[in-house]
PDB file of N, CA and C in Angstrom:
ATOM      1  N   UNK A   1      -2.584   1.586  28.319  1.00  0.00           N
ATOM      2  CA  UNK A   1      -3.469   2.732  28.296  1.00  0.00           C
ATOM      3  C   UNK A   1      -4.914   2.256  28.385  1.00  0.00           C
ATOM      4  N   UNK A   2      -5.648   2.771  29.326  1.00  0.00           N
ATOM      5  CA  UNK A   2      -7.068   2.455  29.475  1.00  0.00           C
ATOM      6  C   UNK A   2      -7.884   3.667  29.042  1.00  0.00           C
ATOM      7  N   UNK A   3      -8.726   3.444  28.051  1.00  0.00           N
ATOM      8  CA  UNK A   3      -9.595   4.537  27.580  1.00  0.00           C
ATOM      9  C   UNK A   3     -10.898   4.501  28.348  1.00  0.00           C
ATOM     10  N   UNK A   4     -11.347   5.657  28.753  1.00  0.00           N
ATOM     11  CA  UNK A   4     -12.595   5.750  29.479  1.00  0.00           C
ATOM     12  C   UNK A   4     -13.766   6.039  28.571  1.00  0.00           C
ATOM     13  N   UNK A   5     -13.469   6.415  27.342  1.00  0.00           N
ATOM     14  CA  UNK A   5     -14.537   6.677  26.372  1.00  0.00           C
ATOM     15  C   UNK A   5     -14.021   6.430  24.964  1.00  0.00           C
ATOM     16  N   UNK A   6     -14.933   6.176  24.069  1.00  0.00           N
ATOM     17  CA  UNK A   6     -14.602   5.983  22.661  1.00  0.00           C
ATOM     18  C   UNK A   6     -15.341   7.017  21.831  1.00  0.00           C
ATOM     19  N   UNK A   7     -14.672   7.524  20.833  1.00  0.00           N
ATOM     20  CA  UNK A   7     -15.343   8.419  19.891  1.00  0.00           C
ATOM     21  C   UNK A   7     -15.658   7.619  18.634  1.00  0.00           C
ATOM     22  N   UNK A   8     -16.936   7.607  18.274  1.00  0.00           N
ATOM     23  CA  UNK A   8     -17.412   6.823  17.139  1.00  0.00           C
ATOM     24  C   UNK A   8     -18.013   7.771  16.117  1.00  0.00           C
ATOM     25  N   UNK A   9     -17.692   7.501  14.851  1.00  0.00           N
ATOM     26  CA  UNK A   9     -18.201   8.297  13.746  1.00  0.00           C
ATOM     27  C   UNK A   9     -18.871   7.356  12.757  1.00  0.00           C
ATOM     28  N   UNK A  10     -20.056   7.739  12.274  1.00  0.00           N
ATOM     29  CA  UNK A  10     -20.783   6.912  11.303  1.00  0.00           C
ATOM     30  C   UNK A  10     -21.260   7.814  10.166  1.00  0.00           C
ATOM     31  N   UNK A  11     -21.110   7.311   8.937  1.00  0.00           N
ATOM     32  CA  UNK A  11     -21.480   8.112   7.775  1.00  0.00           C
ATOM     33  C   UNK A  11     -21.917   7.228   6.617  1.00  0.00           C
ATOM     34  N   UNK A  12     -22.978   7.626   5.945  1.00  0.00           N
ATOM     35  CA  UNK A  12     -23.367   6.990   4.706  1.00  0.00           C
ATOM     36  C   UNK A  12     -22.655   7.757   3.584  1.00  0.00           C
ATOM     37  N   UNK A  13     -21.777   7.081   2.864  1.00  0.00           N
ATOM     38  CA  UNK A  13     -20.958   7.737   1.842  1.00  0.00           C
ATOM     39  C   UNK A  13     -21.520   7.579   0.428  1.00  0.00           C
ATOM     40  N   UNK A  14     -22.626   6.862   0.288  1.00  0.00           N
ATOM     41  CA  UNK A  14     -23.288   6.677  -1.011  1.00  0.00           C
ATOM     42  C   UNK A  14     -22.315   6.181  -2.070  1.00  0.00           C
ATOM     43  N   UNK A  15     -21.458   5.235  -1.687  1.00  0.00           N
ATOM     44  CA  UNK A  15     -20.505   4.570  -2.593  1.00  0.00           C
ATOM     45  C   UNK A  15     -19.467   5.526  -3.169  1.00  0.00           C
ATOM     46  N   UNK A  16     -19.160   6.587  -2.442  1.00  0.00           N
ATOM     47  CA  UNK A  16     -18.229   7.599  -2.896  1.00  0.00           C
ATOM     48  C   UNK A  16     -16.843   7.336  -2.300  1.00  0.00           C
ATOM     49  N   UNK A  17     -15.896   6.940  -3.146  1.00  0.00           N
ATOM     50  CA  UNK A  17     -14.555   6.605  -2.698  1.00  0.00           C
ATOM     51  C   UNK A  17     -13.827   7.813  -2.114  1.00  0.00           C
ATOM     52  N   UNK A  18     -13.961   8.968  -2.761  1.00  0.00           N
ATOM     53  CA  UNK A  18     -13.278  10.176  -2.301  1.00  0.00           C
ATOM     54  C   UNK A  18     -13.771  10.582  -0.927  1.00  0.00           C
ATOM     55  N   UNK A  19     -15.082  10.537  -0.702  1.00  0.00           N
ATOM     56  CA  UNK A  19     -15.627  10.883   0.602  1.00  0.00           C
ATOM     57  C   UNK A  19     -15.135   9.925   1.682  1.00  0.00           C
ATOM     58  N   UNK A  20     -15.034   8.660   1.358  1.00  0.00           N
ATOM     59  CA  UNK A  20     -14.509   7.672   2.309  1.00  0.00           C
ATOM     60  C   UNK A  20     -13.066   7.998   2.677  1.00  0.00           C
ATOM     61  N   UNK A  21     -12.247   8.305   1.678  1.00  0.00           N
ATOM     62  CA  UNK A  21     -10.850   8.696   1.937  1.00  0.00           C
ATOM     63  C   UNK A  21     -10.770   9.926   2.840  1.00  0.00           C
ATOM     64  N   UNK A  22     -11.606  10.905   2.567  1.00  0.00           N
ATOM     65  CA  UNK A  22     -11.612  12.145   3.364  1.00  0.00           C
ATOM     66  C   UNK A  22     -12.007  11.855   4.802  1.00  0.00           C
ATOM     67  N   UNK A  23     -13.029  11.055   4.997  1.00  0.00           N
ATOM     68  CA  UNK A  23     -13.471  10.723   6.364  1.00  0.00           C
ATOM     69  C   UNK A  23     -12.370  10.025   7.140  1.00  0.00           C
ATOM     70  N   UNK A  24     -11.715   9.043   6.535  1.00  0.00           N
ATOM     71  CA  UNK A  24     -10.661   8.322   7.230  1.00  0.00           C
ATOM     72  C   UNK A  24      -9.472   9.231   7.531  1.00  0.00           C
ATOM     73  N   UNK A  25      -9.108  10.067   6.610  1.00  0.00           N
ATOM     74  CA  UNK A  25      -7.973  10.967   6.827  1.00  0.00           C
ATOM     75  C   UNK A  25      -8.277  12.036   7.874  1.00  0.00           C
ATOM     76  N   UNK A  26      -9.457  12.622   7.818  1.00  0.00           N
ATOM     77  CA  UNK A  26      -9.803  13.698   8.750  1.00  0.00           C
ATOM     78  C   UNK A  26     -10.046  13.214  10.173  1.00  0.00           C
ATOM     79  N   UNK A  27     -10.393  11.945  10.327  1.00  0.00           N
ATOM     80  CA  UNK A  27     -10.702  11.421  11.664  1.00  0.00           C
ATOM     81  C   UNK A  27      -9.584  10.573  12.252  1.00  0.00           C
ATOM     82  N   UNK A  28      -8.448  10.488  11.596  1.00  0.00           N
ATOM     83  CA  UNK A  28      -7.388   9.582  12.044  1.00  0.00           C
ATOM     84  C   UNK A  28      -6.825   9.928  13.412  1.00  0.00           C
ATOM     85  N   UNK A  29      -6.872  11.179  13.833  1.00  0.00           N
ATOM     86  CA  UNK A  29      -6.294  11.578  15.122  1.00  0.00           C
ATOM     87  C   UNK A  29      -7.330  11.846  16.201  1.00  0.00           C
ATOM     88  N   UNK A  30      -8.607  11.829  15.835  1.00  0.00           N
ATOM     89  CA  UNK A  30      -9.625  12.213  16.804  1.00  0.00           C
ATOM     90  C   UNK A  30     -10.700  11.145  17.059  1.00  0.00           C
ATOM     91  N   UNK A  31     -10.790  10.130  16.214  1.00  0.00           N
ATOM     92  CA  UNK A  31     -11.870   9.169  16.303  1.00  0.00           C
ATOM     93  C   UNK A  31     -11.313   7.778  16.500  1.00  0.00           C
ATOM     94  N   UNK A  32     -12.018   6.946  17.251  1.00  0.00           N
ATOM     95  CA  UNK A  32     -11.569   5.590  17.540  1.00  0.00           C
ATOM     96  C   UNK A  32     -12.168   4.563  16.596  1.00  0.00           C
ATOM     97  N   UNK A  33     -13.445   4.726  16.258  1.00  0.00           N
ATOM     98  CA  UNK A  33     -14.140   3.763  15.404  1.00  0.00           C
ATOM     99  C   UNK A  33     -14.931   4.531  14.358  1.00  0.00           C
ATOM    100  N   UNK A  34     -14.855   4.086  13.099  1.00  0.00           N
ATOM    101  CA  UNK A  34     -15.625   4.696  12.017  1.00  0.00           C
ATOM    102  C   UNK A  34     -16.455   3.602  11.349  1.00  0.00           C
ATOM    103  N   UNK A  35     -17.747   3.861  11.227  1.00  0.00           N
ATOM    104  CA  UNK A  35     -18.648   2.993  10.489  1.00  0.00           C
ATOM    105  C   UNK A  35     -18.954   3.659   9.155  1.00  0.00           C
ATOM    106  N   UNK A  36     -18.770   2.938   8.062  1.00  0.00           N
ATOM    107  CA  UNK A  36     -19.080   3.464   6.732  1.00  0.00           C
ATOM    108  C   UNK A  36     -20.241   2.659   6.166  1.00  0.00           C
ATOM    109  N   UNK A  37     -21.310   3.356   5.799  1.00  0.00           N
ATOM    110  CA  UNK A  37     -22.491   2.743   5.191  1.00  0.00           C
ATOM    111  C   UNK A  37     -22.470   2.994   3.690  1.00  0.00           C
ATOM    112  N   UNK A  38     -23.044   2.071   2.926  1.00  0.00           N
ATOM    113  CA  UNK A  38     -23.045   2.130   1.462  1.00  0.00           C
ATOM    114  C   UNK A  38     -21.631   2.384   0.945  1.00  0.00           C
ATOM    115  N   UNK A  39     -20.740   1.493   1.360  1.00  0.00           N
ATOM    116  CA  UNK A  39     -19.330   1.676   1.054  1.00  0.00           C
ATOM    117  C   UNK A  39     -19.019   1.531  -0.437  1.00  0.00           C
ATOM    118  N   UNK A  40     -17.945   2.198  -0.878  1.00  0.00           N
ATOM    119  CA  UNK A  40     -17.547   2.085  -2.270  1.00  0.00           C
ATOM    120  C   UNK A  40     -16.970   0.694  -2.537  1.00  0.00           C
ATOM    121  N   UNK A  41     -17.036   0.309  -3.766  1.00  0.00           N
ATOM    122  CA  UNK A  41     -16.529  -1.005  -4.159  1.00  0.00           C
ATOM    123  C   UNK A  41     -15.642  -0.828  -5.389  1.00  0.00           C
ATOM    124  N   UNK A  42     -14.459  -0.278  -5.204  1.00  0.00           N
ATOM    125  CA  UNK A  42     -13.594   0.009  -6.348  1.00  0.00           C
ATOM    126  C   UNK A  42     -13.012  -1.252  -6.981  1.00  0.00           C
ATOM    127  N   UNK A  43     -12.826  -1.204  -8.287  1.00  0.00           N
ATOM    128  CA  UNK A  43     -12.197  -2.276  -9.014  1.00  0.00           C
ATOM    129  C   UNK A  43     -10.705  -2.267  -8.710  1.00  0.00           C
ATOM    130  N   UNK A  44     -10.173  -3.381  -8.253  1.00  0.00           N
ATOM    131  CA  UNK A  44      -8.745  -3.472  -7.981  1.00  0.00           C
ATOM    132  C   UNK A  44      -7.995  -3.833  -9.261  1.00  0.00           C
ATOM    133  N   UNK A  45      -8.445  -4.884  -9.908  1.00  0.00           N
ATOM    134  CA  UNK A  45      -7.838  -5.286 -11.178  1.00  0.00           C
ATOM    135  C   UNK A  45      -8.683  -6.401 -11.792  1.00  0.00           C
ATOM    136  N   UNK A  46      -8.317  -6.809 -12.967  1.00  0.00           N
ATOM    137  CA  UNK A  46      -8.962  -7.937 -13.641  1.00  0.00           C
ATOM    138  C   UNK A  46      -7.990  -9.113 -13.648  1.00  0.00           C
ATOM    139  N   UNK A  47      -8.507 -10.289 -13.414  1.00  0.00           N
ATOM    140  CA  UNK A  47      -7.685 -11.502 -13.413  1.00  0.00           C
ATOM    141  C   UNK A  47      -8.045 -12.336 -14.631  1.00  0.00           C
ATOM    142  N   UNK A  48      -7.076 -13.074 -15.175  1.00  0.00           N
ATOM    143  CA  UNK A  48      -7.350 -13.890 -16.356  1.00  0.00           C
ATOM    144  C   UNK A  48      -8.493 -14.867 -16.128  1.00  0.00           C
ATOM    145  N   UNK A  49      -9.265 -15.076 -17.187  1.00  0.00           N
ATOM    146  CA  UNK A  49     -10.437 -15.950 -17.111  1.00  0.00           C
ATOM    147  C   UNK A  49     -10.543 -16.743 -18.405  1.00  0.00           C
ATOM    148  N   UNK A  50     -10.939 -18.017 -18.282  1.00  0.00           N
ATOM    149  CA  UNK A  50     -11.174 -18.840 -19.470  1.00  0.00           C
ATOM    150  C   UNK A  50     -12.501 -18.495 -20.140  1.00  0.00           C
ATOM    151  N   UNK A  51     -13.408 -17.889 -19.394  1.00  0.00           N
ATOM    152  CA  UNK A  51     -14.751 -17.581 -19.900  1.00  0.00           C
ATOM    153  C   UNK A  51     -14.849 -16.141 -20.397  1.00  0.00           C
ATOM    154  N   UNK A  52     -14.309 -15.211 -19.638  1.00  0.00           N
ATOM    155  CA  UNK A  52     -14.435 -13.786 -19.945  1.00  0.00           C
ATOM    156  C   UNK A  52     -13.136 -13.288 -20.602  1.00  0.00           C
ATOM    157  N   UNK A  53     -13.195 -12.871 -21.881  1.00  0.00           N
ATOM    158  CA  UNK A  53     -11.963 -12.443 -22.561  1.00  0.00           C
ATOM    159  C   UNK A  53     -11.316 -11.194 -21.954  1.00  0.00           C
ATOM    160  N   UNK A  54     -12.084 -10.363 -21.288  1.00  0.00           N
ATOM    161  CA  UNK A  54     -11.495  -9.168 -20.641  1.00  0.00           C
ATOM    162  C   UNK A  54     -11.022  -9.459 -19.225  1.00  0.00           C
ATOM    163  N   UNK A  55     -11.269 -10.664 -18.728  1.00  0.00           N
ATOM    164  CA  UNK A  55     -10.862 -11.032 -17.383  1.00  0.00           C
ATOM    165  C   UNK A  55     -11.975 -10.800 -16.374  1.00  0.00           C
ATOM    166  N   UNK A  56     -11.883 -11.502 -15.242  1.00  0.00           N
ATOM    167  CA  UNK A  56     -12.875 -11.352 -14.194  1.00  0.00           C
ATOM    168  C   UNK A  56     -12.483 -10.188 -13.278  1.00  0.00           C
ATOM    169  N   UNK A  57     -13.418  -9.334 -12.919  1.00  0.00           N
ATOM    170  CA  UNK A  57     -13.075  -8.196 -12.059  1.00  0.00           C
ATOM    171  C   UNK A  57     -12.889  -8.619 -10.605  1.00  0.00           C
ATOM    172  N   UNK A  58     -11.931  -8.016  -9.955  1.00  0.00           N
ATOM    173  CA  UNK A  58     -11.700  -8.207  -8.527  1.00  0.00           C
ATOM    174  C   UNK A  58     -11.963  -6.852  -7.851  1.00  0.00           C
ATOM    175  N   UNK A  59     -12.878  -6.858  -6.927  1.00  0.00           N
ATOM    176  CA  UNK A  59     -13.234  -5.643  -6.200  1.00  0.00           C
ATOM    177  C   UNK A  59     -12.686  -5.717  -4.786  1.00  0.00           C
ATOM    178  N   UNK A  60     -12.443  -4.592  -4.181  1.00  0.00           N
ATOM    179  CA  UNK A  60     -11.896  -4.602  -2.835  1.00  0.00           C
ATOM    180  C   UNK A  60     -12.372  -3.433  -2.010  1.00  0.00           C
ATOM    181  N   UNK A  61     -11.745  -3.258  -0.866  1.00  0.00           N
ATOM    182  CA  UNK A  61     -12.098  -2.198   0.063  1.00  0.00           C
ATOM    183  C   UNK A  61     -10.942  -1.220   0.176  1.00  0.00           C
ATOM    184  N   UNK A  62     -11.265  -0.006   0.587  1.00  0.00           N
ATOM    185  CA  UNK A  62     -10.243   1.018   0.779  1.00  0.00           C
ATOM    186  C   UNK A  62      -9.488   0.768   2.063  1.00  0.00           C
ATOM    187  N   UNK A  63      -8.188   0.867   1.994  1.00  0.00           N
ATOM    188  CA  UNK A  63      -7.330   0.723   3.170  1.00  0.00           C
ATOM    189  C   UNK A  63      -6.692   2.071   3.484  1.00  0.00           C
ATOM    190  N   UNK A  64      -6.355   2.252   4.739  1.00  0.00           N
ATOM    191  CA  UNK A  64      -5.688   3.472   5.183  1.00  0.00           C
ATOM    192  C   UNK A  64      -4.659   3.051   6.216  1.00  0.00           C
ATOM    193  N   UNK A  65      -3.454   3.637   6.218  1.00  0.00           N
ATOM    194  CA  UNK A  65      -2.413   3.192   7.130  1.00  0.00           C
ATOM    195  C   UNK A  65      -2.724   3.398   8.606  1.00  0.00           C
ATOM    196  N   UNK A  66      -3.647   4.281   8.947  1.00  0.00           N
ATOM    197  CA  UNK A  66      -3.978   4.541  10.361  1.00  0.00           C
ATOM    198  C   UNK A  66      -5.177   3.734  10.857  1.00  0.00           C
ATOM    199  N   UNK A  67      -5.825   2.969   9.961  1.00  0.00           N
ATOM    200  CA  UNK A  67      -7.035   2.253  10.324  1.00  0.00           C
ATOM    201  C   UNK A  67      -6.921   0.759  10.021  1.00  0.00           C
ATOM    202  N   UNK A  68      -7.546  -0.054  10.873  1.00  0.00           N
ATOM    203  CA  UNK A  68      -7.684  -1.490  10.608  1.00  0.00           C
ATOM    204  C   UNK A  68      -9.109  -1.727  10.128  1.00  0.00           C
ATOM    205  N   UNK A  69      -9.230  -2.398   9.019  1.00  0.00           N
ATOM    206  CA  UNK A  69     -10.522  -2.640   8.382  1.00  0.00           C
ATOM    207  C   UNK A  69     -11.098  -3.956   8.879  1.00  0.00           C
ATOM    208  N   UNK A  70     -12.366  -3.937   9.280  1.00  0.00           N
ATOM    209  CA  UNK A  70     -13.099  -5.143   9.658  1.00  0.00           C
ATOM    210  C   UNK A  70     -14.283  -5.270   8.729  1.00  0.00           C
ATOM    211  N   UNK A  71     -14.337  -6.380   7.999  1.00  0.00           N
ATOM    212  CA  UNK A  71     -15.410  -6.581   7.028  1.00  0.00           C
ATOM    213  C   UNK A  71     -15.629  -8.082   6.829  1.00  0.00           C
ATOM    214  N   UNK A  72     -16.807  -8.416   6.366  1.00  0.00           N
ATOM    215  CA  UNK A  72     -17.123  -9.802   6.040  1.00  0.00           C
ATOM    216  C   UNK A  72     -16.132 -10.304   4.976  1.00  0.00           C
ATOM    217  N   UNK A  73     -15.592 -11.505   5.129  1.00  0.00           N
ATOM    218  CA  UNK A  73     -14.593 -11.965   4.169  1.00  0.00           C
ATOM    219  C   UNK A  73     -15.160 -12.277   2.784  1.00  0.00           C
ATOM    220  N   UNK A  74     -16.468 -12.432   2.648  1.00  0.00           N
ATOM    221  CA  UNK A  74     -17.078 -12.757   1.350  1.00  0.00           C
ATOM    222  C   UNK A  74     -17.496 -11.450   0.670  1.00  0.00           C
ATOM    223  N   UNK A  75     -16.690 -11.002  -0.315  1.00  0.00           N
ATOM    224  CA  UNK A  75     -16.968  -9.757  -1.016  1.00  0.00           C
ATOM    225  C   UNK A  75     -17.573 -10.005  -2.398  1.00  0.00           C
ATOM    226  N   UNK A  76     -18.258 -11.130  -2.556  1.00  0.00           N
ATOM    227  CA  UNK A  76     -18.873 -11.439  -3.841  1.00  0.00           C
ATOM    228  C   UNK A  76     -20.027 -10.476  -4.123  1.00  0.00           C
ATOM    229  N   UNK A  77     -20.444 -10.432  -5.365  1.00  0.00           N
ATOM    230  CA  UNK A  77     -21.504  -9.519  -5.786  1.00  0.00           C
ATOM    231  C   UNK A  77     -22.778  -9.729  -4.965  1.00  0.00           C
ATOM    232  N   UNK A  78     -23.137 -10.981  -4.699  1.00  0.00           N
ATOM    233  CA  UNK A  78     -24.391 -11.264  -3.994  1.00  0.00           C
ATOM    234  C   UNK A  78     -24.330 -10.969  -2.492  1.00  0.00           C
ATOM    235  N   UNK A  79     -23.175 -11.114  -1.906  1.00  0.00           N
ATOM    236  CA  UNK A  79     -23.036 -10.957  -0.450  1.00  0.00           C
ATOM    237  C   UNK A  79     -22.272  -9.704  -0.062  1.00  0.00           C
ATOM    238  N   UNK A  80     -22.153  -8.741  -0.956  1.00  0.00           N
ATOM    239  CA  UNK A  80     -21.360  -7.560  -0.650  1.00  0.00           C
ATOM    240  C   UNK A  80     -21.971  -6.792   0.529  1.00  0.00           C
ATOM    241  N   UNK A  81     -21.170  -6.507   1.564  1.00  0.00           N
ATOM    242  CA  UNK A  81     -21.705  -5.852   2.765  1.00  0.00           C
ATOM    243  C   UNK A  81     -22.144  -4.414   2.507  1.00  0.00           C
ATOM    244  N   UNK A  82     -23.062  -3.953   3.332  1.00  0.00           N
ATOM    245  CA  UNK A  82     -23.566  -2.597   3.223  1.00  0.00           C
ATOM    246  C   UNK A  82     -22.940  -1.660   4.254  1.00  0.00           C
ATOM    247  N   UNK A  83     -22.141  -2.239   5.144  1.00  0.00           N
ATOM    248  CA  UNK A  83     -21.459  -1.437   6.171  1.00  0.00           C
ATOM    249  C   UNK A  83     -20.115  -2.090   6.491  1.00  0.00           C
ATOM    250  N   UNK A  84     -19.172  -1.256   6.841  1.00  0.00           N
ATOM    251  CA  UNK A  84     -17.875  -1.766   7.280  1.00  0.00           C
ATOM    252  C   UNK A  84     -17.419  -0.952   8.491  1.00  0.00           C
ATOM    253  N   UNK A  85     -16.456  -1.493   9.199  1.00  0.00           N
ATOM    254  CA  UNK A  85     -15.942  -0.853  10.403  1.00  0.00           C
ATOM    255  C   UNK A  85     -14.454  -0.633  10.269  1.00  0.00           C
ATOM    256  N   UNK A  86     -14.009   0.552  10.612  1.00  0.00           N
ATOM    257  CA  UNK A  86     -12.583   0.866  10.684  1.00  0.00           C
ATOM    258  C   UNK A  86     -12.258   1.164  12.148  1.00  0.00           C
ATOM    259  N   UNK A  87     -11.233   0.486  12.685  1.00  0.00           N
ATOM    260  CA  UNK A  87     -10.782   0.710  14.045  1.00  0.00           C
ATOM    261  C   UNK A  87      -9.416   1.411  13.963  1.00  0.00           C
ATOM    262  N   UNK A  88      -9.289   2.499  14.697  1.00  0.00           N
ATOM    263  CA  UNK A  88      -8.051   3.264  14.683  1.00  0.00           C
ATOM    264  C   UNK A  88      -6.920   2.418  15.255  1.00  0.00           C
ATOM    265  N   UNK A  89      -5.798   2.372  14.583  1.00  0.00           N
ATOM    266  CA  UNK A  89      -4.654   1.539  15.019  1.00  0.00           C
ATOM    267  C   UNK A  89      -4.010   2.051  16.304  1.00  0.00           C
ATOM    268  N   UNK A  90      -4.258   3.273  16.688  1.00  0.00           N
ATOM    269  CA  UNK A  90      -3.675   3.784  17.943  1.00  0.00           C
ATOM    270  C   UNK A  90      -4.309   3.147  19.158  1.00  0.00           C
ATOM    271  N   UNK A  91      -5.438   2.464  18.982  1.00  0.00           N
ATOM    272  CA  UNK A  91      -6.062   1.759  20.108  1.00  0.00           C
ATOM    273  C   UNK A  91      -5.222   0.545  20.402  1.00  0.00           C
TER     274      UNK A  91
END
């Protein structure tokens, strides 16, 4: 299949996880690429730590079954990205 055009959607979600989920779900059948600005950084879980008695936090990105996530592999506090790209899997 050769596409002659791409539909792109971009939104600043102000670190809102629910809004990000809504955007991905509502655009899954109509949009090819989604850019999310000020993306949410939800806590996935805490891992055991010798220094921190409550464990070290692990943060991650939101996944959706219809989208492939492209993001910088370094998600540390200092290098956390301000934008991410979701590519629709139907491409």
